[in-house]
Amino acid sequence: MRWKLILGTITLVMGLSAHFATLTLGASELALPRPDHIVIVIQENHSFSQIIGSPDAPYINRLATQGALFMQSFGITHPSQPNYLALFSGSTQGVTDNSCPHSFTTANLGHELLAAGLTFIGYSENLPSAGSLICNVGSYARKHNPWSNWQGSLSNGLPASANLSTTSFPAEYSNLPTVSMVVPSQTHDMHNGKDPDRIRAGDRWLRKHLDTYVQWAQTHNSLLIVTWDEDDKNENNRIPTLFVGPMVQTGRYNQLITHHSLLRTIEDLYGLPHAGASEDTVPITQIWRPTEHP
């Protein structure tokens, strides 16, 4: 009798768990928006507490009050390059340093979008020419340009036309690709120099180049994501991450997320397959405004 009771309890719990998982999944699917455009900006080497609440980053903090701010967002590792690869492909691809060059054939966000009939472009400040595979020139560094490592690959490859300078970022935002990744130069991504000057420089750059997009996005079903590659090694790799757009509910969120979470979320918004570790990662679902259904 005791074993029957235990088995019955286990069966009931499993049944309820499956039921609520289905309900949760269904609610998540119903709640997911499909932005016309997503722009992702990646900054460098600062922890959450260095940016959020800092008087040296007034624009970023203003954005944080306008959208969803993640209180528990973390980089994958150190140094920079593996984090960019993780965000773009769900894997560090075995890279543990900032070496260059690399070439990969694995699944990645850019190819997933193109295969689905959507569009992707990565914009790097100071990239010397469209499709350039140079490792370093001036304040441009290929280690911060993950999509270049799949350029021309026979499997999951990207065309050179997906690897552009920020000078090609459209002035008419309706001409943006479905998803774009924007990487400032090391002068403007909070990498070079010392604080607080480099924080101020990154904040000013973001306001100058993306504020009009943020305003436009509010009436054009589009989204801005701002995140950092890693922290300064003083906060367990806790970094600022924020989403701003008309489909986002303003607030502070405690969901634990990583670069893999961002990738999985973008893939789910467009019904894409899951690259690398994103397949086993929980997507972001709580921040979206309820959608109306007829």
Protein backbone atom coordinates (compact mmCIF):
# COMPACT_ATOMS: atom_id res chain seq x y z
CA MET A 1 0.00 0.00 0.00
CA ARG A 2 2.84 2.37 0.90
CA TRP A 3 4.57 1.81 -2.46
CA LYS A 4 1.29 2.32 -4.32
CA LEU A 5 0.82 5.62 -2.50
CA ILE A 6 4.36 6.73 -3.35
CA LEU A 7 3.98 5.73 -6.99
CA GLY A 8 0.64 7.47 -7.18
CA THR A 9 2.15 10.64 -5.74
CA ILE A 10 5.05 10.51 -8.22
CA THR A 11 2.64 10.01 -11.11
CA LEU A 12 0.50 12.93 -9.95
CA VAL A 13 3.52 15.24 -9.58
CA MET A 14 4.86 14.23 -12.99
CA GLY A 15 1.48 14.81 -14.55
CA LEU A 16 1.11 18.23 -12.95
CA SER A 17 4.69 19.16 -13.94
CA ALA A 18 4.03 18.22 -17.54
CA HIS A 19 0.74 20.10 -17.48
CA PHE A 20 2.24 23.31 -16.13
CA ALA A 21 5.25 23.04 -18.45
CA THR A 22 2.84 22.94 -21.36
CA LEU A 23 0.93 25.90 -20.01
CA THR A 24 4.13 27.85 -19.47
CA LEU A 25 5.43 26.99 -22.92
CA GLY A 26 2.12 27.91 -24.47
CA ALA A 27 2.05 31.25 -22.66
CA SER A 28 5.62 31.96 -23.71
CA GLU A 29 4.84 31.16 -27.33
CA LEU A 30 1.78 33.38 -27.30
CA ALA A 31 3.68 36.23 -25.63
CA LEU A 32 6.70 36.25 -27.93
CA PRO A 33 6.78 39.28 -30.23
CA ARG A 34 8.40 39.33 -33.65
CA PRO A 35 10.30 42.62 -33.97
CA ASP A 36 10.73 44.05 -37.44
CA HIS A 37 14.31 44.88 -36.49
CA ILE A 38 16.69 44.10 -33.63
CA VAL A 39 19.90 46.08 -33.13
CA ILE A 40 22.39 44.59 -30.65
CA VAL A 41 25.21 46.82 -29.37
CA ILE A 42 28.14 45.23 -27.52
CA GLN A 43 30.30 47.23 -25.12
CA GLU A 44 33.45 46.14 -23.31
CA ASN A 45 34.95 45.09 -20.01
CA HIS A 46 32.70 46.66 -17.35
CA SER A 47 30.68 45.19 -14.55
CA PHE A 48 27.06 45.93 -13.75
CA SER A 49 27.84 48.22 -10.82
CA GLN A 50 30.34 50.25 -12.85
CA ILE A 51 27.64 51.28 -15.34
CA ILE A 52 24.21 51.09 -13.74
CA GLY A 53 23.75 54.07 -11.45
CA SER A 54 26.96 55.70 -12.68
CA PRO A 55 26.84 59.45 -13.36
CA ASP A 56 29.37 58.81 -16.13
CA ALA A 57 26.83 56.82 -18.18
CA PRO A 58 23.71 59.04 -18.14
CA TYR A 59 22.37 57.90 -21.50
CA ILE A 60 22.72 54.20 -20.75
CA ASN A 61 21.01 54.69 -17.41
CA ARG A 62 18.20 56.57 -19.12
CA LEU A 63 17.74 53.64 -21.48
CA ALA A 64 17.68 51.29 -18.48
CA THR A 65 14.68 53.18 -17.06
CA GLN A 66 12.89 53.01 -20.43
CA GLY A 67 13.19 49.26 -20.91
CA ALA A 68 14.03 45.94 -19.26
CA LEU A 69 17.18 45.90 -17.16
CA PHE A 70 18.58 42.50 -16.19
CA MET A 71 19.98 42.40 -12.66
CA GLN A 72 21.61 38.96 -13.10
CA SER A 73 23.23 39.00 -16.53
CA PHE A 74 26.61 37.29 -16.90
CA GLY A 75 29.35 36.87 -19.47
CA ILE A 76 30.45 33.34 -20.28
CA THR A 77 34.19 33.62 -19.62
CA HIS A 78 37.26 35.82 -20.07
CA PRO A 79 38.76 37.36 -22.19
CA SER A 80 36.66 39.15 -24.83
CA GLN A 81 36.65 36.98 -27.94
CA PRO A 82 35.05 33.81 -26.52
CA ASN A 83 32.12 35.88 -25.27
CA TYR A 84 31.44 37.38 -28.70
CA LEU A 85 31.56 33.88 -30.19
CA ALA A 86 29.18 32.56 -27.52
CA LEU A 87 26.65 35.30 -28.23
CA PHE A 88 26.81 34.72 -31.98
CA SER A 89 27.01 30.92 -32.10
CA GLY A 90 26.19 29.47 -28.68
CA SER A 91 29.78 28.29 -28.27
CA THR A 92 33.22 29.69 -27.61
CA GLN A 93 34.36 27.39 -30.46
CA GLY A 94 37.24 26.26 -28.26
CA VAL A 95 38.77 29.73 -28.32
CA THR A 96 40.24 30.81 -24.99
CA ASP A 97 42.10 33.96 -26.00
CA ASN A 98 42.00 36.93 -28.37
CA SER A 99 44.00 35.24 -31.14
CA CYS A 100 43.34 35.85 -34.83
CA PRO A 101 42.41 34.67 -37.38
CA HIS A 102 39.87 31.87 -36.97
CA SER A 103 37.50 30.11 -39.36
CA PHE A 104 34.42 28.12 -38.31
CA THR A 105 31.67 26.12 -40.00
CA THR A 106 29.27 25.64 -37.08
CA ALA A 107 25.73 26.94 -36.67
CA ASN A 108 25.39 30.65 -35.95
CA LEU A 109 22.75 33.36 -35.69
CA GLY A 110 23.64 35.07 -38.96
CA HIS A 111 23.32 31.96 -41.09
CA GLU A 112 20.14 30.88 -39.28
CA LEU A 113 18.52 34.20 -40.20
CA LEU A 114 19.62 34.02 -43.84
CA ALA A 115 18.45 30.40 -44.16
CA ALA A 116 15.03 31.45 -42.88
CA GLY A 117 14.72 34.15 -45.55
CA LEU A 118 15.53 36.92 -43.07
CA THR A 119 18.56 39.20 -42.99
CA PHE A 120 21.66 39.80 -40.86
CA ILE A 121 24.51 42.31 -40.97
CA GLY A 122 27.30 42.98 -38.49
CA TYR A 123 28.51 46.58 -38.36
CA SER A 124 31.99 47.27 -36.96
CA GLU A 125 33.29 50.77 -36.42
CA ASN A 126 36.51 51.43 -38.39
CA LEU A 127 36.33 48.21 -40.40
CA PRO A 128 38.57 49.29 -43.30
CA SER A 129 36.38 47.88 -46.08
CA ALA A 130 33.31 45.71 -46.61
CA GLY A 131 34.16 42.08 -45.94
CA SER A 132 37.62 42.87 -44.57
CA LEU A 133 39.19 39.98 -42.65
CA ILE A 134 42.09 41.98 -41.27
CA CYS A 135 42.90 41.18 -37.63
CA ASN A 136 43.72 44.69 -36.41
CA VAL A 137 43.88 48.18 -37.82
CA GLY A 138 43.75 51.35 -35.73
CA SER A 139 41.09 50.88 -33.05
CA TYR A 140 39.32 48.08 -34.96
CA ALA A 141 39.90 44.52 -33.75
CA ARG A 142 38.54 41.38 -35.41
CA LYS A 143 38.36 39.68 -31.99
CA HIS A 144 35.21 41.79 -31.48
CA ASN A 145 33.76 40.79 -34.86
CA PRO A 146 32.57 37.18 -34.50
CA TRP A 147 30.63 36.94 -37.78
CA SER A 148 33.84 37.48 -39.77
CA ASN A 149 34.96 34.00 -38.69
CA TRP A 150 32.17 32.40 -40.74
CA GLN A 151 32.65 34.59 -43.81
CA GLY A 152 32.78 32.41 -46.91
CA SER A 153 32.59 29.12 -44.99
CA LEU A 154 31.18 26.22 -47.01
CA SER A 155 28.93 25.25 -44.11
CA ASN A 156 26.87 27.86 -42.23
CA GLY A 157 28.80 30.56 -44.06
CA LEU A 158 28.09 34.26 -44.37
CA PRO A 159 28.72 36.54 -47.35
CA ALA A 160 31.16 39.45 -47.23
CA SER A 161 28.13 41.74 -47.55
CA ALA A 162 27.17 40.78 -43.98
CA ASN A 163 30.43 42.22 -42.66
CA LEU A 164 30.24 46.01 -42.93
CA SER A 165 31.50 49.20 -41.32
CA THR A 166 29.22 51.30 -39.13
CA THR A 167 29.41 53.90 -41.89
CA SER A 168 27.01 51.59 -43.78
CA PHE A 169 24.46 51.59 -40.95
CA PRO A 170 21.29 52.85 -42.69
CA ALA A 171 20.06 56.38 -42.03
CA GLU A 172 16.62 55.12 -43.05
CA TYR A 173 16.00 52.55 -40.33
CA SER A 174 13.38 50.65 -42.27
CA ASN A 175 16.32 49.48 -44.43
CA LEU A 176 17.99 47.76 -41.48
CA PRO A 177 18.39 43.99 -41.61
CA THR A 178 16.17 41.84 -39.42
CA VAL A 179 18.99 41.54 -36.88
CA SER A 180 22.14 43.62 -36.77
CA MET A 181 25.05 43.56 -34.38
CA VAL A 182 26.87 46.86 -33.86
CA VAL A 183 30.37 46.92 -32.39
CA PRO A 184 31.98 50.30 -31.67
CA SER A 185 35.74 50.65 -32.05
CA GLN A 186 37.93 50.09 -29.02
CA THR A 187 37.94 53.86 -28.56
CA HIS A 188 34.16 53.93 -28.14
CA ASP A 189 33.28 50.57 -26.59
CA MET A 190 34.78 51.35 -23.15
CA HIS A 191 37.85 49.23 -23.93
CA ASN A 192 40.66 51.74 -24.41
CA GLY A 193 41.70 54.34 -21.87
CA LYS A 194 40.80 54.67 -18.21
CA ASP A 195 37.62 55.21 -16.26
CA PRO A 196 35.68 57.40 -16.07
CA ASP A 197 36.75 58.79 -19.46
CA ARG A 198 36.17 55.58 -21.41
CA ILE A 199 32.74 55.08 -19.83
CA ARG A 200 31.78 58.60 -20.83
CA ALA A 201 33.10 58.05 -24.36
CA GLY A 202 31.07 54.86 -24.78
CA ASP A 203 27.95 56.48 -23.39
CA ARG A 204 28.26 59.49 -25.70
CA TRP A 205 28.87 57.25 -28.72
CA LEU A 206 25.79 55.20 -28.01
CA ARG A 207 23.61 58.30 -27.64
CA LYS A 208 25.02 59.91 -30.79
CA HIS A 209 24.64 56.85 -33.02
CA LEU A 210 21.62 54.98 -31.62
CA ASP A 211 19.28 57.43 -29.91
CA THR A 212 17.36 58.30 -33.06
CA TYR A 213 16.95 54.56 -33.73
CA VAL A 214 15.60 54.08 -30.19
CA GLN A 215 13.01 56.82 -30.78
CA TRP A 216 12.09 55.42 -34.20
CA ALA A 217 11.82 51.88 -32.84
CA GLN A 218 9.06 52.89 -30.43
CA THR A 219 6.63 53.35 -33.31
CA HIS A 220 8.10 50.77 -35.68
CA ASN A 221 8.00 47.47 -33.76
CA SER A 222 11.76 47.38 -33.32
CA LEU A 223 14.14 46.60 -30.47
CA LEU A 224 17.52 47.70 -29.10
CA ILE A 225 19.64 45.36 -26.98
CA VAL A 226 22.73 46.71 -25.22
CA THR A 227 25.09 44.33 -23.47
CA TRP A 228 28.75 43.90 -22.51
CA ASP A 229 31.15 41.12 -23.41
CA GLU A 230 32.55 40.61 -19.88
CA ASP A 231 33.07 42.45 -16.62
CA ASP A 232 36.30 43.87 -15.20
CA LYS A 233 36.94 40.60 -13.29
CA ASN A 234 35.64 42.09 -10.05
CA GLU A 235 31.97 41.05 -10.09
CA ASN A 236 31.92 37.36 -11.07
CA ASN A 237 31.39 38.41 -14.72
CA ARG A 238 28.12 40.21 -13.95
CA ILE A 239 27.44 42.68 -16.74
CA PRO A 240 24.74 45.19 -17.71
CA THR A 241 22.18 44.00 -20.26
CA LEU A 242 19.09 45.94 -21.27
CA PHE A 243 16.29 45.72 -23.83
CA VAL A 244 14.43 48.81 -25.09
CA GLY A 245 11.47 48.72 -27.45
CA PRO A 246 7.68 49.01 -27.63
CA MET A 247 7.22 45.28 -26.99
CA VAL A 248 9.17 45.44 -23.71
CA GLN A 249 7.66 45.90 -20.26
CA THR A 250 9.72 48.44 -18.34
CA GLY A 251 11.27 47.09 -15.16
CA ARG A 252 14.14 45.32 -13.46
CA TYR A 253 14.30 41.57 -13.91
CA ASN A 254 16.09 38.97 -11.82
CA GLN A 255 16.14 36.13 -14.33
CA LEU A 256 19.66 34.69 -14.57
CA ILE A 257 20.80 35.16 -18.16
CA THR A 258 24.00 34.79 -20.19
CA HIS A 259 25.05 35.44 -23.79
CA HIS A 260 23.52 32.05 -24.60
CA SER A 261 20.18 33.31 -23.23
CA LEU A 262 20.29 36.31 -25.57
CA LEU A 263 21.01 34.09 -28.55
CA ARG A 264 18.23 31.63 -27.64
CA THR A 265 15.74 34.48 -27.18
CA ILE A 266 16.48 36.02 -30.58
CA GLU A 267 16.25 32.60 -32.21
CA ASP A 268 12.86 32.00 -30.59
CA LEU A 269 11.50 35.41 -31.61
CA TYR A 270 12.00 34.42 -35.25
CA GLY A 271 11.35 30.68 -35.00
CA LEU A 272 14.95 29.76 -35.79
CA PRO A 273 16.84 26.58 -34.90
CA HIS A 274 19.12 26.71 -31.87
CA ALA A 275 22.88 27.03 -32.22
CA GLY A 276 25.22 25.39 -29.75
CA ALA A 277 24.38 25.76 -26.07
CA SER A 278 21.36 27.94 -26.80
CA GLU A 279 19.42 24.72 -27.36
CA ASP A 280 19.66 23.91 -23.65
CA THR A 281 19.21 27.48 -22.42
CA VAL A 282 16.05 29.06 -21.03
CA PRO A 283 14.92 31.98 -23.23
CA ILE A 284 13.81 35.38 -21.94
CA THR A 285 10.02 35.44 -21.83
CA GLN A 286 8.95 37.59 -18.86
CA ILE A 287 9.78 41.01 -20.27
CA TRP A 288 7.35 41.10 -23.19
CA ARG A 289 4.15 43.11 -23.17
CA PRO A 290 1.00 41.00 -23.54
CA THR A 291 -0.07 40.65 -27.15
CA GLU A 292 -3.68 41.00 -28.21
CA HIS A 293 -5.29 38.16 -30.10
CA PRO A 294 -8.59 38.32 -32.01
